[in-house]
Protein backbone atom coordinates (compact mmCIF):
# COMPACT_ATOMS: atom_id res chain seq x y z
CA UNK A 1 -14.94 -15.30 37.30
CA UNK A 2 -13.03 -12.20 39.21
CA UNK A 3 -14.10 -8.53 38.35
CA UNK A 4 -11.91 -6.33 36.44
CA UNK A 5 -10.88 -4.54 39.71
CA UNK A 6 -9.37 -7.80 41.52
CA UNK A 7 -7.91 -9.02 38.16
CA UNK A 8 -5.70 -5.77 38.00
CA UNK A 9 -4.37 -6.16 41.57
CA UNK A 10 -3.79 -10.01 40.88
CA UNK A 11 -1.81 -9.55 38.22
CA UNK A 12 0.03 -6.95 39.75
CA UNK A 13 1.04 -9.36 42.75
CA UNK A 14 1.58 -12.07 39.71
CA UNK A 15 4.24 -9.96 37.76
CA UNK A 16 5.81 -9.39 41.34
CA UNK A 17 6.20 -12.67 41.91
CA UNK A 18 7.58 -13.56 38.52
CA UNK A 19 10.25 -10.79 39.12
CA UNK A 20 11.04 -12.08 42.44
CA UNK A 21 11.34 -15.79 40.86
CA UNK A 22 13.37 -14.54 38.13
CA UNK A 23 15.82 -12.94 40.67
CA UNK A 24 15.98 -15.83 42.91
CA UNK A 25 16.30 -18.36 40.34
CA UNK A 26 17.96 -16.96 37.48
CA UNK A 27 19.70 -14.55 39.57
CA UNK A 28 21.43 -17.27 41.57
CA UNK A 29 23.13 -18.70 38.46
CA UNK A 30 23.89 -14.82 37.21
CA UNK A 31 25.42 -14.33 40.85
CA UNK A 32 27.73 -17.60 40.30
CA UNK A 33 29.00 -16.12 36.79
CA UNK A 34 29.59 -12.60 38.62
CA UNK A 35 31.82 -14.74 41.09
CA UNK A 36 33.27 -17.11 38.85
CA UNK A 37 36.69 -14.94 37.81
CA UNK A 38 37.39 -14.12 41.44
CA UNK A 39 36.54 -17.85 43.57
CA UNK A 40 37.95 -19.89 41.14
CA UNK A 41 41.69 -19.36 40.89
CA UNK A 42 42.77 -22.50 38.62
CA UNK A 43 40.90 -23.90 35.42
CA UNK A 44 39.73 -27.13 37.73
CA UNK A 45 38.22 -24.52 40.20
CA UNK A 46 36.44 -22.57 37.67
CA UNK A 47 35.22 -25.72 36.14
CA UNK A 48 33.80 -26.42 39.85
CA UNK A 49 31.84 -23.37 40.08
CA UNK A 50 30.43 -23.39 36.60
CA UNK A 51 29.22 -26.83 36.72
CA UNK A 52 27.42 -25.95 40.28
CA UNK A 53 24.89 -24.20 37.62
CA UNK A 54 25.51 -25.89 34.78
CA UNK A 55 22.66 -28.02 34.66
CA UNK A 56 20.15 -25.81 35.52
CA UNK A 57 20.93 -22.28 34.13
CA UNK A 58 19.24 -22.56 30.75
CA UNK A 59 16.05 -24.03 32.70
CA UNK A 60 16.03 -20.91 34.83
CA UNK A 61 15.71 -18.89 32.02
CA UNK A 62 12.03 -19.57 31.91
CA UNK A 63 11.65 -17.18 34.66
CA UNK A 64 12.99 -14.38 32.55
CA UNK A 65 10.93 -15.23 29.20
CA UNK A 66 7.74 -15.36 31.57
CA UNK A 67 7.95 -12.42 33.40
CA UNK A 68 8.95 -10.25 30.16
CA UNK A 69 5.65 -12.11 28.38
CA UNK A 70 3.62 -11.57 31.54
CA UNK A 71 4.64 -7.66 31.09
CA UNK A 72 3.78 -7.66 27.86
CA UNK A 73 0.22 -9.39 27.85
CA UNK A 74 -0.94 -7.90 31.14
CA UNK A 75 0.35 -4.49 30.62
CA UNK A 76 1.04 -3.62 26.92
CA UNK A 77 1.09 0.18 27.60
CA UNK A 78 4.43 -0.66 30.11
CA UNK A 79 5.96 -3.00 27.80
CA UNK A 80 5.73 -0.92 25.08
CA UNK A 81 6.79 2.47 26.64
CA UNK A 82 9.46 0.70 28.76
CA UNK A 83 10.91 -1.03 25.66
CA UNK A 84 11.01 2.18 24.03
CA UNK A 85 12.60 4.26 26.49
CA UNK A 86 15.01 1.47 27.69
CA UNK A 87 15.71 0.47 24.09
CA UNK A 88 19.33 0.65 24.67
CA UNK A 89 19.48 -0.53 28.06
CA UNK A 90 17.60 -3.53 27.29
CA UNK A 91 20.24 -4.17 24.23
CA UNK A 92 22.66 -4.39 26.44
CA UNK A 93 21.01 -6.67 28.61
CA UNK A 94 20.70 -8.90 25.74
CA UNK A 95 24.35 -8.50 24.39
CA UNK A 96 25.54 -9.21 27.83
CA UNK A 97 23.19 -12.16 28.03
CA UNK A 98 24.62 -13.70 24.54
CA UNK A 99 27.73 -14.42 26.28
CA UNK A 100 25.95 -17.14 28.66
CA UNK A 101 24.87 -19.61 26.32
CA UNK A 102 28.02 -19.47 24.18
CA UNK A 103 30.02 -19.46 27.23
CA UNK A 104 28.74 -22.52 28.93
CA UNK A 105 28.74 -24.56 25.85
CA UNK A 106 32.40 -23.81 24.04
CA UNK A 107 34.00 -22.74 27.30
CA UNK A 108 35.74 -26.33 28.31
CA UNK A 109 35.82 -27.63 24.29
CA UNK A 110 39.49 -26.37 23.95
CA UNK A 111 42.26 -27.05 26.09
CA UNK A 112 43.64 -23.49 25.98
CA UNK A 113 44.13 -21.00 28.65
CA UNK A 114 43.50 -17.50 26.86
CA UNK A 115 40.25 -19.45 25.41
CA UNK A 116 39.08 -20.79 28.93
CA UNK A 117 40.01 -17.34 30.29
CA UNK A 118 38.09 -15.31 27.45
CA UNK A 119 35.17 -17.12 28.25
CA UNK A 120 35.30 -17.16 32.00
CA UNK A 121 35.05 -13.52 31.43
CA UNK A 122 32.13 -13.90 29.31
CA UNK A 123 30.37 -15.61 31.84
CA UNK A 124 31.04 -12.75 34.27
CA UNK A 125 29.58 -10.16 32.02
CA UNK A 126 26.54 -12.14 31.34
CA UNK A 127 26.25 -12.68 35.26
CA UNK A 128 26.98 -8.62 35.77
CA UNK A 129 25.32 -6.58 33.69
CA UNK A 130 21.87 -7.47 33.78
CA UNK A 131 21.18 -7.29 37.57
CA UNK A 132 23.13 -3.76 37.23
CA UNK A 133 20.85 -2.50 34.64
CA UNK A 134 17.75 -3.84 35.80
CA UNK A 135 18.69 -2.11 39.07
CA UNK A 136 19.19 1.20 37.28
CA UNK A 137 15.82 0.67 35.78
CA UNK A 138 14.17 0.48 38.90
CA UNK A 139 15.99 3.40 40.26
CA UNK A 140 14.89 5.47 37.36
CA UNK A 141 11.11 4.21 37.78
CA UNK A 142 11.43 5.66 41.52
CA UNK A 143 12.48 8.97 40.10
CA UNK A 144 10.20 9.03 37.19
CA UNK A 145 10.90 8.27 33.58
CA UNK A 146 10.76 11.00 30.99
CA UNK A 147 7.71 9.80 28.35
CA UNK A 148 4.52 11.26 27.22
CA UNK A 149 1.63 10.28 25.25
CA UNK A 150 -0.14 11.93 22.42
CA UNK A 151 -3.56 12.02 21.42
CA UNK A 152 -3.66 8.60 19.94
CA UNK A 153 -1.79 7.15 23.21
CA UNK A 154 1.32 7.02 21.03
CA UNK A 155 4.42 6.91 23.84
CA UNK A 156 7.14 9.45 23.15
CA UNK A 157 10.44 8.99 25.15
CA UNK A 158 12.13 12.38 25.60
CA UNK A 159 14.97 11.54 27.58
CA UNK A 160 18.58 10.28 26.64
CA UNK A 161 20.24 7.32 27.53
CA UNK A 162 22.84 9.09 29.58
CA UNK A 163 20.08 10.22 31.58
CA UNK A 164 19.39 6.94 33.03
CA UNK A 165 22.73 6.76 34.53
CA UNK A 166 22.19 8.86 37.14
CA UNK A 167 23.31 8.82 40.76
CA UNK A 168 20.16 7.23 42.71
CA UNK A 169 19.92 4.98 39.73
CA UNK A 170 23.45 3.76 40.04
CA UNK A 171 23.15 3.56 43.79
CA UNK A 172 20.09 1.01 42.91
CA UNK A 173 22.28 -0.68 40.14
CA UNK A 174 24.66 -1.41 43.03
CA UNK A 175 22.10 -2.67 45.56
CA UNK A 176 20.67 -5.19 42.72
CA UNK A 177 24.20 -6.29 41.87
CA UNK A 178 25.04 -6.93 45.37
CA UNK A 179 21.59 -8.83 45.82
CA UNK A 180 22.14 -10.89 43.16
CA UNK A 181 25.88 -11.47 43.93
CA UNK A 182 24.57 -12.75 47.58
CA UNK A 183 22.40 -15.08 45.81
CA UNK A 184 24.54 -16.51 43.68
CA UNK A 185 27.32 -16.67 46.57
CA UNK A 186 24.76 -18.40 48.84
CA UNK A 187 24.18 -21.45 46.56
CA UNK A 188 27.81 -21.77 45.45
CA UNK A 189 28.59 -22.38 49.13
CA UNK A 190 26.00 -25.07 49.29
CA UNK A 191 27.33 -26.56 46.43
CA UNK A 192 31.36 -26.81 46.81
CA UNK A 193 33.67 -27.57 49.32
CA UNK A 194 37.19 -26.39 50.18
CA UNK A 195 39.12 -23.26 49.18
CA UNK A 196 36.27 -22.60 46.56
CA UNK A 197 33.66 -22.39 49.50
CA UNK A 198 35.79 -20.30 51.63
CA UNK A 199 36.54 -17.43 49.10
CA UNK A 200 32.73 -17.78 48.20
CA UNK A 201 31.94 -17.04 51.60
CA UNK A 202 33.94 -14.44 51.83
CA UNK A 203 32.82 -12.60 48.93
CA UNK A 204 29.17 -13.28 50.01
CA UNK A 205 29.59 -11.39 53.15
CA UNK A 206 30.89 -8.65 51.45
CA UNK A 207 27.98 -8.50 49.02
CA UNK A 208 25.75 -8.92 51.57
CA UNK A 209 27.00 -5.79 53.76
CA UNK A 210 27.10 -3.66 50.40
CA UNK A 211 23.74 -4.35 49.40
CA UNK A 212 22.25 -3.88 53.15
CA UNK A 213 24.38 -0.69 53.02
CA UNK A 214 23.32 0.52 49.62
CA UNK A 215 19.43 -0.55 50.64
CA UNK A 216 19.35 1.52 53.61
CA UNK A 217 21.27 4.17 51.79
CA UNK A 218 18.69 4.30 48.69
CA UNK A 219 15.70 4.27 51.51
CA UNK A 220 17.22 7.40 52.95
CA UNK A 221 17.68 9.14 49.80
CA UNK A 222 14.37 8.21 48.63
CA UNK A 223 12.84 10.37 51.55
CA UNK A 224 13.88 13.66 49.72
CA UNK A 225 13.01 12.49 46.11
CA UNK A 226 9.39 13.70 44.70
CA UNK A 227 7.26 10.65 44.43
CA UNK A 228 4.22 10.35 42.41
CA UNK A 229 0.22 10.93 43.70
CA UNK A 230 -2.99 10.28 42.33
CA UNK A 231 -4.90 13.48 43.22
CA UNK A 232 -8.27 12.83 41.14
CA UNK A 233 -10.97 10.14 42.09
CA UNK A 234 -9.83 6.72 40.20
CA UNK A 235 -12.45 4.04 39.16
CA UNK A 236 -10.42 0.73 39.59
CA UNK A 237 -13.19 -0.84 36.99
CA UNK A 238 -12.99 1.40 34.30
CA UNK A 239 -11.40 0.65 31.23
CA UNK A 240 -7.70 1.52 30.93
CA UNK A 241 -6.98 5.46 30.19
CA UNK A 242 -3.55 6.59 31.15
CA UNK A 243 -4.48 10.22 30.42
CA UNK A 244 -7.91 10.09 32.52
CA UNK A 245 -6.42 11.26 35.68
CA UNK A 246 -4.53 13.70 37.62
CA UNK A 247 -1.18 13.08 39.33
CA UNK A 248 1.13 15.43 41.24
CA UNK A 249 4.62 15.18 42.64
CA UNK A 250 5.47 15.98 46.08
CA UNK A 251 8.15 14.87 48.44
CA UNK A 252 7.58 11.81 50.35
CA UNK A 253 5.15 10.44 48.41
CA UNK A 254 6.61 7.16 48.03
CA UNK A 255 6.12 6.80 51.86
CA UNK A 256 2.55 7.35 51.66
CA UNK A 257 1.77 3.48 51.37
CA UNK A 258 3.88 2.62 54.51
CA UNK A 259 2.07 5.38 56.78
CA UNK A 260 -1.02 4.17 55.76
CA UNK A 261 -0.22 0.30 56.30
CA UNK A 262 2.52 -0.01 58.65
CA UNK A 263 2.83 -3.93 58.03
CA UNK A 264 4.70 -3.09 54.64
CA UNK A 265 7.41 -1.97 57.19
CA UNK A 266 8.12 -5.65 57.21
CA UNK A 267 9.34 -5.74 53.73
CA UNK A 268 12.41 -3.40 54.04
CA UNK A 269 12.96 -5.14 57.30
CA UNK A 270 13.14 -8.57 55.52
CA UNK A 271 15.34 -7.21 52.98
CA UNK A 272 17.90 -6.16 55.58
CA UNK A 273 17.85 -9.16 58.05
CA UNK A 274 17.64 -11.52 55.32
CA UNK A 275 20.74 -10.50 54.01
CA UNK A 276 22.50 -10.16 57.35
CA UNK A 277 21.25 -13.48 58.18
CA UNK A 278 22.34 -15.13 55.31
CA UNK A 279 26.09 -14.06 55.60
CA UNK A 280 25.95 -15.42 58.97
CA UNK A 281 24.35 -18.76 58.12
CA UNK A 282 27.05 -19.00 55.42
CA UNK A 283 29.96 -18.56 57.98
CA UNK A 284 28.20 -20.96 60.43
CA UNK A 285 28.27 -23.42 57.59
CA UNK A 286 24.32 -23.64 57.23
CA UNK A 287 24.34 -22.98 53.36
CA UNK A 288 21.04 -24.24 52.68
CA UNK A 289 19.41 -22.13 55.31
CA UNK A 290 21.30 -19.31 53.76
CA UNK A 291 19.98 -19.58 50.48
CA UNK A 292 16.72 -19.18 51.98
CA UNK A 293 17.40 -16.01 53.98
CA UNK A 294 19.06 -14.40 50.93
CA UNK A 295 15.92 -15.56 48.96
CA UNK A 296 13.78 -13.79 51.50
CA UNK A 297 16.19 -11.00 51.40
CA UNK A 298 15.54 -10.77 47.74
CA UNK A 299 11.67 -10.66 47.97
CA UNK A 300 11.96 -8.33 50.73
CA UNK A 301 13.98 -5.85 48.37
CA UNK A 302 11.87 -6.30 45.28
CA UNK A 303 8.64 -6.20 47.57
CA UNK A 304 9.85 -2.81 48.97
CA UNK A 305 10.33 -1.09 45.78
CA UNK A 306 6.66 -2.42 44.61
CA UNK A 307 4.77 -1.29 47.83
CA UNK A 308 6.37 1.94 47.68
CA UNK A 309 5.10 2.18 44.18
CA UNK A 310 1.84 1.20 44.41
CA UNK A 311 -0.47 1.82 42.11
CA UNK A 312 2.29 3.38 39.83
CA UNK A 313 4.13 0.97 37.57
CA UNK A 314 5.99 3.56 35.23
CA UNK A 315 5.45 7.14 36.67
CA UNK A 316 6.44 10.05 33.86
CA UNK A 317 8.29 12.87 34.97
CA UNK A 318 7.52 15.13 31.82
CA UNK A 319 3.84 14.46 31.95
CA UNK A 320 2.96 13.30 35.44
CA UNK A 321 -0.96 12.61 34.32
CA UNK A 322 0.54 10.03 31.95
CA UNK A 323 2.13 8.13 34.39
CA UNK A 324 1.37 4.16 34.01
CA UNK A 325 -0.58 2.47 36.99
CA UNK A 326 -2.14 -1.03 37.90
CA UNK A 327 -5.54 0.90 37.13
CA UNK A 328 -5.02 1.97 33.66
CA UNK A 329 -2.24 0.21 31.84
CA UNK A 330 -3.48 -3.36 31.44
CA UNK A 331 -5.35 -5.35 28.96
CA UNK A 332 -8.88 -6.05 28.67
CA UNK A 333 -10.62 -8.27 31.45
CA UNK A 334 -10.99 -11.13 29.37
CA UNK A 335 -7.28 -11.20 28.39
CA UNK A 336 -6.57 -10.82 32.08
CA UNK A 337 -8.60 -13.77 33.16
CA UNK A 338 -7.31 -16.21 30.63
CA UNK A 339 -3.96 -15.34 31.20
CA UNK A 340 -4.82 -15.94 34.95
CA UNK A 341 -6.13 -19.44 34.65
CA UNK A 342 -3.29 -20.46 32.04
CA UNK A 343 -1.13 -19.30 35.10
CA UNK A 344 -3.26 -21.38 37.63
CA UNK A 345 -2.44 -24.21 35.38
CA UNK A 346 1.10 -23.99 34.01
CA UNK A 347 2.98 -22.35 37.24
CA UNK A 348 2.56 -25.41 39.59
CA UNK A 349 4.06 -27.55 36.75
CA UNK A 350 7.15 -25.21 36.24
CA UNK A 351 7.70 -25.03 40.33
CA UNK A 352 7.23 -29.12 40.67
CA UNK A 353 9.59 -29.58 37.35
CA UNK A 354 12.26 -27.10 38.80
CA UNK A 355 12.17 -28.56 42.64
CA UNK A 356 12.41 -32.34 40.61
CA UNK A 357 15.49 -31.10 38.57
CA UNK A 358 17.12 -29.20 41.67
CA UNK A 359 16.48 -32.48 44.08
CA UNK A 360 18.18 -35.21 41.57
CA UNK A 361 21.16 -33.03 40.53
CA UNK A 362 21.86 -32.15 44.41
CA UNK A 363 25.32 -32.91 45.96
CA UNK A 364 28.60 -31.09 45.56
CA UNK A 365 30.84 -30.43 42.66
CA UNK A 366 34.00 -31.31 43.34
CA UNK A 367 37.62 -31.39 41.54
CA UNK A 368 37.10 -35.10 41.61
CA UNK A 369 33.75 -35.02 39.71
CA UNK A 370 35.48 -32.68 36.99
CA UNK A 371 38.04 -35.05 36.69
CA UNK A 372 36.08 -38.00 36.45
CA UNK A 373 33.86 -36.16 33.83
CA UNK A 374 36.44 -34.60 31.97
CA UNK A 375 34.44 -34.68 28.75
CA UNK A 376 30.99 -34.47 30.02
CA UNK A 377 31.34 -31.88 32.34
CA UNK A 378 31.21 -27.95 31.36
């Protein structure tokens, strides 16, 4: 059995893995939805695009559900505070996601151009809005979220919805959207051919460049943002108490981990080089390698945010001492241990099943396939 301190670190890593898995797996079908109205010019082309992710999009939702469930169980204070403070933002995500199941299921059931075009834009909303909001959320985490705890550890969000839409957070939203669009473009390029593939490669190249420029710009901007640093002694094995520490804000604090561990610079390097490699590989016709490179870029970007903030998970700008960290916002030792062994048991099953499903349903989706399966395809 792992000790409490080790399990706290393990669950920080596991939640990161789940977020990366969500961005790669559920992200590529969201990226395809974002590209749908632009790379498909006719009804048959848009059906080709939809059917590249049609067999998998609902299965990929397991990453979204598992990630949210893991945060709820491993970091209950983070879950409660985030879903309270980001309430309207989370509702916007859910409203956008509503378009996905009904869009996939009902879009091709009626032969009407207006009907189908409406659902195409609904699928676009369901693919475009959530990554933007998730990016905006990360941008706000890096600046600190205005919340505080009372003596009973009840959180109180002191900001407004509109405060979340600040310039740095919006830039983070652009990076997130471009990253997910690139992920979708590499997958779509691998599953299509002809003019749809050509348009996808062009759009994916633009997304890669936008992601790289935005990511570098956000990194430079972050240098001037006051980060957070724990200035008191912390006992990593102690019971959770988010008010039992002293936190200071200072410029450059988010870069301290990189100074202490220079190998962490590999994460932003992978983010930049992976995106550029994905664009180049797509243009050379190596679409599967491009998908791998895009997945590495996604890992690098999310890993960069996590490495910059560690050990903070949700810093507080209005009461810095109340900032939630890896050490003081977690569940009990027993809960983390049970969840760990459950993850060890079930995560490989999810990966094996997903790999099998993608292998069985591999291959190009073509206009001929759609015509042959007029009543069975999406």
